[in-house]
C-alpha atoms as a PDB file:
ATOM      1  CA  MET A   1      14.868   9.527   7.465  1.00  0.00           C
ATOM      2  CA  PRO A   2      13.649  10.148   3.898  1.00  0.00           C
ATOM      3  CA  GLU A   3       9.905   9.934   3.294  1.00  0.00           C
ATOM      4  CA  PRO A   4       8.838   6.631   1.682  1.00  0.00           C
ATOM      5  CA  HIS A   5       8.249   7.037  -2.007  1.00  0.00           C
ATOM      6  CA  PRO A   6       4.703   6.057  -3.100  1.00  0.00           C
ATOM      7  CA  ALA A   7       6.206   3.509  -5.493  1.00  0.00           C
ATOM      8  CA  VAL A   8       7.469   1.393  -2.572  1.00  0.00           C
ATOM      9  CA  SER A   9       4.205  -0.596  -2.642  1.00  0.00           C
ATOM     10  CA  ALA A  10       4.264  -1.072  -6.418  1.00  0.00           C
ATOM     11  CA  PHE A  11       5.312  -4.732  -6.343  1.00  0.00           C
ATOM     12  CA  THR A  12       2.312  -6.920  -5.564  1.00  0.00           C
ATOM     13  CA  SER A  13       2.669 -10.088  -3.492  1.00  0.00           C
ATOM     14  CA  LYS A  14       2.692 -13.348  -5.450  1.00  0.00           C
ATOM     15  CA  ASN A  15       0.595 -16.099  -3.896  1.00  0.00           C
ATOM     16  CA  ILE A  16       0.393 -18.791  -6.555  1.00  0.00           C
ATOM     17  CA  VAL A  17      -2.240 -21.519  -6.280  1.00  0.00           C
ATOM     18  CA  THR A  18      -0.601 -24.922  -5.850  1.00  0.00           C
ATOM     19  CA  ARG A  19      -0.360 -27.818  -3.396  1.00  0.00           C
ATOM     20  CA  ARG A  20       1.853 -26.917  -0.470  1.00  0.00           C
ATOM     21  CA  GLY A  21       3.542 -28.715   2.376  1.00  0.00           C
ATOM     22  CA  PRO A  22       2.909 -27.830   6.024  1.00  0.00           C
ATOM     23  CA  ALA A  23       4.038 -24.407   7.212  1.00  0.00           C
ATOM     24  CA  PRO A  24       7.197 -24.888   9.292  1.00  0.00           C
ATOM     25  CA  LYS A  25       6.837 -23.951  12.968  1.00  0.00           C
ATOM     26  CA  GLN A  26      10.282 -24.711  14.367  1.00  0.00           C
ATOM     27  CA  ASP A  27      13.588 -23.066  13.468  1.00  0.00           C
ATOM     28  CA  ARG A  28      15.069 -26.365  12.346  1.00  0.00           C
ATOM     29  CA  SER A  29      12.174 -26.997   9.965  1.00  0.00           C
ATOM     30  CA  ILE A  30      12.435 -23.452   8.585  1.00  0.00           C
ATOM     31  CA  ARG A  31      16.161 -23.900   7.953  1.00  0.00           C
ATOM     32  CA  THR A  32      15.589 -27.280   6.286  1.00  0.00           C
ATOM     33  CA  LYS A  33      12.929 -25.884   3.992  1.00  0.00           C
ATOM     34  CA  LEU A  34      15.215 -23.007   2.999  1.00  0.00           C
ATOM     35  CA  LEU A  35      18.049 -25.475   2.364  1.00  0.00           C
ATOM     36  CA  VAL A  36      15.817 -27.474   0.009  1.00  0.00           C
ATOM     37  CA  LEU A  37      14.631 -24.288  -1.704  1.00  0.00           C
ATOM     38  CA  THR A  38      18.202 -23.109  -2.285  1.00  0.00           C
ATOM     39  CA  ALA A  39      19.343 -26.482  -3.614  1.00  0.00           C
ATOM     40  CA  ALA A  40      16.375 -26.624  -5.969  1.00  0.00           C
ATOM     41  CA  SER A  41      17.144 -23.095  -7.147  1.00  0.00           C
ATOM     42  CA  GLU A  42      20.690 -24.115  -8.022  1.00  0.00           C
ATOM     43  CA  LEU A  43      19.399 -27.040 -10.078  1.00  0.00           C
ATOM     44  CA  PHE A  44      16.558 -25.132 -11.724  1.00  0.00           C
ATOM     45  CA  ALA A  45      18.948 -22.314 -12.679  1.00  0.00           C
ATOM     46  CA  LYS A  46      21.442 -24.753 -14.206  1.00  0.00           C
ATOM     47  CA  ARG A  47      19.234 -27.501 -15.667  1.00  0.00           C
ATOM     48  CA  GLY A  48      15.756 -26.010 -15.953  1.00  0.00           C
ATOM     49  CA  PHE A  49      12.458 -27.379 -14.686  1.00  0.00           C
ATOM     50  CA  ARG A  50      12.155 -30.403 -16.971  1.00  0.00           C
ATOM     51  CA  HIS A  51      15.632 -31.749 -16.235  1.00  0.00           C
ATOM     52  CA  THR A  52      15.518 -31.241 -12.459  1.00  0.00           C
ATOM     53  CA  SER A  53      14.095 -34.140 -10.443  1.00  0.00           C
ATOM     54  CA  MET A  54      13.042 -34.313  -6.830  1.00  0.00           C
ATOM     55  CA  GLN A  55      15.599 -37.103  -6.439  1.00  0.00           C
ATOM     56  CA  ALA A  56      18.352 -34.772  -7.616  1.00  0.00           C
ATOM     57  CA  VAL A  57      17.232 -32.135  -5.109  1.00  0.00           C
ATOM     58  CA  ALA A  58      17.205 -34.737  -2.332  1.00  0.00           C
ATOM     59  CA  GLU A  59      20.706 -35.893  -3.228  1.00  0.00           C
ATOM     60  CA  ARG A  60      21.984 -32.325  -3.284  1.00  0.00           C
ATOM     61  CA  VAL A  61      20.790 -31.685   0.288  1.00  0.00           C
ATOM     62  CA  ARG A  62      21.610 -35.257   1.429  1.00  0.00           C
ATOM     63  CA  MET A  63      18.047 -36.013   2.406  1.00  0.00           C
ATOM     64  CA  THR A  64      15.636 -38.746   1.446  1.00  0.00           C
ATOM     65  CA  LYS A  65      13.228 -37.968  -1.359  1.00  0.00           C
ATOM     66  CA  GLY A  66      10.398 -38.507   1.117  1.00  0.00           C
ATOM     67  CA  ALA A  67      11.786 -35.770   3.356  1.00  0.00           C
ATOM     68  CA  VAL A  68      11.869 -33.364   0.407  1.00  0.00           C
ATOM     69  CA  TYR A  69       8.287 -34.294  -0.506  1.00  0.00           C
ATOM     70  CA  PHE A  70       7.238 -33.559   3.088  1.00  0.00           C
ATOM     71  CA  HIS A  71       8.177 -29.909   2.590  1.00  0.00           C
ATOM     72  CA  TYR A  72       7.250 -29.653  -1.103  1.00  0.00           C
ATOM     73  CA  PRO A  73       4.656 -32.255  -2.171  1.00  0.00           C
ATOM     74  CA  THR A  74       5.288 -31.822  -5.920  1.00  0.00           C
ATOM     75  CA  LYS A  75       7.994 -30.480  -8.196  1.00  0.00           C
ATOM     76  CA  GLU A  76       5.529 -27.781  -9.228  1.00  0.00           C
ATOM     77  CA  ALA A  77       5.186 -26.734  -5.572  1.00  0.00           C
ATOM     78  CA  LEU A  78       8.954 -26.420  -5.361  1.00  0.00           C
ATOM     79  CA  ALA A  79       9.100 -24.357  -8.552  1.00  0.00           C
ATOM     80  CA  VAL A  80       6.282 -22.127  -7.304  1.00  0.00           C
ATOM     81  CA  ALA A  81       8.131 -21.532  -4.026  1.00  0.00           C
ATOM     82  CA  VAL A  82      11.251 -20.481  -5.951  1.00  0.00           C
ATOM     83  CA  VAL A  83       9.247 -18.105  -8.176  1.00  0.00           C
ATOM     84  CA  GLU A  84       7.484 -16.580  -5.168  1.00  0.00           C
ATOM     85  CA  GLU A  85      10.806 -16.010  -3.424  1.00  0.00           C
ATOM     86  CA  HIS A  86      12.222 -14.522  -6.635  1.00  0.00           C
ATOM     87  CA  TYR A  87       9.430 -11.956  -6.637  1.00  0.00           C
ATOM     88  CA  ALA A  88       9.804 -11.331  -2.895  1.00  0.00           C
ATOM     89  CA  ARG A  89      13.336 -10.050  -3.535  1.00  0.00           C
ATOM     90  CA  TRP A  90      12.141  -6.959  -5.420  1.00  0.00           C
ATOM     91  CA  PRO A  91      10.047  -5.164  -2.752  1.00  0.00           C
ATOM     92  CA  ARG A  92      12.941  -5.522  -0.307  1.00  0.00           C
ATOM     93  CA  LEU A  93      15.367  -4.172  -2.893  1.00  0.00           C
ATOM     94  CA  LEU A  94      13.057  -1.245  -3.616  1.00  0.00           C
ATOM     95  CA  GLU A  95      12.781  -0.403   0.077  1.00  0.00           C
ATOM     96  CA  GLU A  96      16.573  -0.427   0.439  1.00  0.00           C
ATOM     97  CA  VAL A  97      17.108   1.907  -2.517  1.00  0.00           C
ATOM     98  CA  THR A  98      14.229   4.216  -1.534  1.00  0.00           C
ATOM     99  CA  ALA A  99      15.601   4.549   1.992  1.00  0.00           C
ATOM    100  CA  GLU A 100      18.787   6.092   0.589  1.00  0.00           C
ATOM    101  CA  GLY A 101      16.871   9.169  -0.491  1.00  0.00           C
ATOM    102  CA  PHE A 102      17.683   9.447  -4.190  1.00  0.00           C
ATOM    103  CA  GLY A 103      15.517  11.476  -6.532  1.00  0.00           C
ATOM    104  CA  PRO A 104      13.069   9.436  -8.622  1.00  0.00           C
ATOM    105  CA  LEU A 105      15.260   9.138 -11.725  1.00  0.00           C
ATOM    106  CA  ASP A 106      18.329   8.123  -9.730  1.00  0.00           C
ATOM    107  CA  THR A 107      16.130   5.683  -7.812  1.00  0.00           C
ATOM    108  CA  VAL A 108      15.354   3.987 -11.133  1.00  0.00           C
ATOM    109  CA  ALA A 109      19.040   3.893 -12.058  1.00  0.00           C
ATOM    110  CA  HIS A 110      20.192   2.466  -8.712  1.00  0.00           C
ATOM    111  CA  LEU A 111      17.304  -0.009  -8.578  1.00  0.00           C
ATOM    112  CA  LEU A 112      18.176  -1.504 -11.959  1.00  0.00           C
ATOM    113  CA  GLU A 113      21.890  -1.562 -11.166  1.00  0.00           C
ATOM    114  CA  ARG A 114      21.256  -3.535  -7.978  1.00  0.00           C
ATOM    115  CA  ALA A 115      18.802  -5.798  -9.763  1.00  0.00           C
ATOM    116  CA  ALA A 116      21.611  -6.602 -12.198  1.00  0.00           C
ATOM    117  CA  LEU A 117      23.807  -7.476  -9.216  1.00  0.00           C
ATOM    118  CA  ALA A 118      21.077  -9.783  -7.919  1.00  0.00           C
ATOM    119  CA  PHE A 119      20.842 -11.518 -11.293  1.00  0.00           C
ATOM    120  CA  ARG A 120      24.598 -12.079 -11.175  1.00  0.00           C
ATOM    121  CA  ASP A 121      24.885 -13.308  -7.583  1.00  0.00           C
ATOM    122  CA  ASP A 122      21.505 -14.561  -6.283  1.00  0.00           C
ATOM    123  CA  VAL A 123      20.660 -18.098  -7.364  1.00  0.00           C
ATOM    124  CA  ILE A 124      16.995 -17.708  -6.397  1.00  0.00           C
ATOM    125  CA  VAL A 125      16.699 -14.700  -8.696  1.00  0.00           C
ATOM    126  CA  GLN A 126      18.420 -16.682 -11.454  1.00  0.00           C
ATOM    127  CA  ALA A 127      16.217 -19.729 -10.962  1.00  0.00           C
ATOM    128  CA  GLY A 128      13.032 -17.680 -10.806  1.00  0.00           C
ATOM    129  CA  ALA A 129      13.908 -15.986 -14.082  1.00  0.00           C
ATOM    130  CA  ARG A 130      14.513 -19.317 -15.825  1.00  0.00           C
ATOM    131  CA  LEU A 131      11.325 -20.835 -14.437  1.00  0.00           C
ATOM    132  CA  GLN A 132       9.340 -17.880 -15.742  1.00  0.00           C
ATOM    133  CA  ILE A 133      10.718 -18.533 -19.224  1.00  0.00           C
ATOM    134  CA  GLU A 134       9.725 -22.206 -18.834  1.00  0.00           C
ATOM    135  CA  ARG A 135       6.186 -21.384 -17.676  1.00  0.00           C
ATOM    136  CA  PRO A 136       4.486 -23.629 -20.287  1.00  0.00           C
ATOM    137  CA  GLN A 137       6.223 -26.665 -18.755  1.00  0.00           C
ATOM    138  CA  ILE A 138       4.992 -25.959 -15.210  1.00  0.00           C
ATOM    139  CA  ASP A 139       1.490 -26.947 -14.150  1.00  0.00           C
ATOM    140  CA  ALA A 140       0.820 -23.792 -12.144  1.00  0.00           C
ATOM    141  CA  ALA A 141      -0.428 -20.313 -12.997  1.00  0.00           C
ATOM    142  CA  LEU A 142       2.802 -18.355 -12.611  1.00  0.00           C
ATOM    143  CA  PRO A 143       2.573 -14.547 -12.654  1.00  0.00           C
ATOM    144  CA  THR A 144       3.017 -12.686 -15.910  1.00  0.00           C
ATOM    145  CA  PRO A 145       6.592 -11.368 -15.799  1.00  0.00           C
ATOM    146  CA  TYR A 146       7.709  -7.764 -16.378  1.00  0.00           C
ATOM    147  CA  VAL A 147       4.334  -6.158 -15.559  1.00  0.00           C
ATOM    148  CA  ASP A 148       5.194  -5.020 -12.023  1.00  0.00           C
ATOM    149  CA  TRP A 149       8.597  -3.741 -13.117  1.00  0.00           C
ATOM    150  CA  THR A 150       7.038  -1.718 -15.918  1.00  0.00           C
ATOM    151  CA  GLU A 151       4.376  -0.219 -13.649  1.00  0.00           C
ATOM    152  CA  LEU A 152       6.941   0.605 -10.966  1.00  0.00           C
ATOM    153  CA  LEU A 153       9.342   2.339 -13.341  1.00  0.00           C
ATOM    154  CA  ALA A 154       6.492   4.235 -15.000  1.00  0.00           C
ATOM    155  CA  SER A 155       5.443   5.528 -11.564  1.00  0.00           C
ATOM    156  CA  LEU A 156       8.977   6.603 -10.692  1.00  0.00           C
ATOM    157  CA  LEU A 157       9.519   8.199 -14.083  1.00  0.00           C
ATOM    158  CA  ALA A 158       6.233  10.117 -13.787  1.00  0.00           C
ATOM    159  CA  SER A 159       7.593  11.518 -10.511  1.00  0.00           C
ATOM    160  CA  ALA A 160      10.859  12.300 -12.284  1.00  0.00           C
ATOM    161  CA  GLN A 161       8.925  14.165 -14.951  1.00  0.00           C
ATOM    162  CA  LYS A 162       7.140  16.288 -12.328  1.00  0.00           C
ATOM    163  CA  ALA A 163      10.512  17.032 -10.715  1.00  0.00           C
ATOM    164  CA  GLY A 164      11.927  18.210 -14.037  1.00  0.00           C
ATOM    165  CA  GLU A 165      14.389  15.308 -14.231  1.00  0.00           C
ATOM    166  CA  LEU A 166      13.174  13.915 -17.563  1.00  0.00           C
ATOM    167  CA  ARG A 167      14.042  15.377 -20.932  1.00  0.00           C
ATOM    168  CA  HIS A 168      11.161  17.342 -22.416  1.00  0.00           C
ATOM    169  CA  GLY A 169       8.876  15.155 -24.524  1.00  0.00           C
ATOM    170  CA  VAL A 170       9.857  11.816 -22.919  1.00  0.00           C
ATOM    171  CA  SER A 171       6.841   9.655 -22.028  1.00  0.00           C
ATOM    172  CA  PRO A 172       7.278   7.970 -18.612  1.00  0.00           C
ATOM    173  CA  GLN A 173       5.312   4.934 -19.814  1.00  0.00           C
ATOM    174  CA  ALA A 174       7.319   4.549 -23.020  1.00  0.00           C
ATOM    175  CA  ALA A 175      10.593   5.063 -21.154  1.00  0.00           C
ATOM    176  CA  ALA A 176       9.562   2.448 -18.559  1.00  0.00           C
ATOM    177  CA  ARG A 177       8.765  -0.106 -21.271  1.00  0.00           C
ATOM    178  CA  SER A 178      12.090   0.613 -22.971  1.00  0.00           C
ATOM    179  CA  LEU A 179      14.085   0.269 -19.735  1.00  0.00           C
ATOM    180  CA  VAL A 180      12.379  -2.991 -18.787  1.00  0.00           C
ATOM    181  CA  SER A 181      12.898  -4.434 -22.269  1.00  0.00           C
ATOM    182  CA  ALA A 182      16.533  -3.374 -22.282  1.00  0.00           C
ATOM    183  CA  PHE A 183      17.257  -4.598 -18.756  1.00  0.00           C
ATOM    184  CA  PHE A 184      15.729  -8.042 -19.078  1.00  0.00           C
ATOM    185  CA  GLY A 185      17.085  -8.494 -22.570  1.00  0.00           C
ATOM    186  CA  CYS A 186      20.536  -7.522 -21.318  1.00  0.00           C
ATOM    187  CA  GLN A 187      20.511  -9.953 -18.405  1.00  0.00           C
ATOM    188  CA  HIS A 188      19.191 -12.764 -20.622  1.00  0.00           C
ATOM    189  CA  ILE A 189      21.862 -12.256 -23.290  1.00  0.00           C
ATOM    190  CA  SER A 190      24.533 -12.065 -20.594  1.00  0.00           C
ATOM    191  CA  ASP A 191      23.214 -15.350 -19.171  1.00  0.00           C
ATOM    192  CA  VAL A 192      23.230 -17.134 -22.523  1.00  0.00           C
ATOM    193  CA  LEU A 193      26.675 -15.926 -23.566  1.00  0.00           C
ATOM    194  CA  HIS A 194      28.583 -15.655 -20.291  1.00  0.00           C
ATOM    195  CA  GLY A 195      26.507 -17.085 -17.441  1.00  0.00           C
ATOM    196  CA  ARG A 196      25.778 -13.505 -16.289  1.00  0.00           C
ATOM    197  CA  THR A 197      29.398 -12.975 -15.212  1.00  0.00           C
ATOM    198  CA  ASP A 198      29.445  -9.729 -17.217  1.00  0.00           C
ATOM    199  CA  VAL A 199      25.880  -8.556 -16.578  1.00  0.00           C
ATOM    200  CA  LEU A 200      26.949  -5.517 -14.540  1.00  0.00           C
ATOM    201  CA  GLU A 201      29.287  -4.295 -17.268  1.00  0.00           C
ATOM    202  CA  ARG A 202      26.797  -4.927 -20.059  1.00  0.00           C
ATOM    203  CA  TRP A 203      23.978  -3.227 -18.170  1.00  0.00           C
ATOM    204  CA  ALA A 204      26.241  -0.236 -17.418  1.00  0.00           C
ATOM    205  CA  GLU A 205      26.794   0.187 -21.174  1.00  0.00           C
ATOM    206  CA  VAL A 206      23.094   0.029 -21.950  1.00  0.00           C
ATOM    207  CA  SER A 207      21.959   2.186 -19.037  1.00  0.00           C
ATOM    208  CA  ASP A 208      24.474   4.923 -19.867  1.00  0.00           C
ATOM    209  CA  LEU A 209      22.879   5.239 -23.304  1.00  0.00           C
ATOM    210  CA  LEU A 210      19.287   5.079 -22.105  1.00  0.00           C
ATOM    211  CA  PHE A 211      19.629   7.476 -19.195  1.00  0.00           C
ATOM    212  CA  HIS A 212      21.548   9.906 -21.397  1.00  0.00           C
ATOM    213  CA  ALA A 213      18.545   9.811 -23.751  1.00  0.00           C
ATOM    214  CA  ILE A 214      15.847  10.420 -21.111  1.00  0.00           C
ATOM    215  CA  ARG A 215      17.569  12.598 -18.496  1.00  0.00           C
ATOM    216  CA  GLY A 216      16.758  16.303 -18.598  1.00  0.00           C
ATOM    217  CA  ARG A 217      19.570  18.584 -19.665  1.00  0.00           C
END
């Protein structure tokens, strides 16, 4: 087994202050809560926070609105749960990539490639991204986006620099900021123009250029 990379713990947990429903104790309640969360994610991703109602979520899961409110007492609580689950995806993704034993620079490349796949296929990732953009509309203190990604990539790229994988003169911090800006800009443009159906191809184009620029010869 490869040794865990120190960057595995780079993503901090997101516990956002908001009203919450009771913690589910039975399997059925856990499944129901996840069903509501997924349905809300589909609506948030498509319509946004303002144009998604609790009634629409209830209709999507064929429940009463009261049953939805039992699990999520406000629309803000539902949005917060989606954002928290969005962020919970990234530590798991990082652990999966790290376990495969790549060097630090290839870890960055594979991590961003699989993040692009998540943005294409995972509705909770999609909804969380849209809700972050709509933060001013949501009465909850959502985390500041991009910070953890930038710190993580800077840590990995600093390790890449020590391993001689970065081109001479490349700043790990500057390269991390550039990669994060390029990645999230790429996925956003792909979303606006093509519903992220081409995000893997567009990110491959951008990443080829960026990694060619920073990789040691």
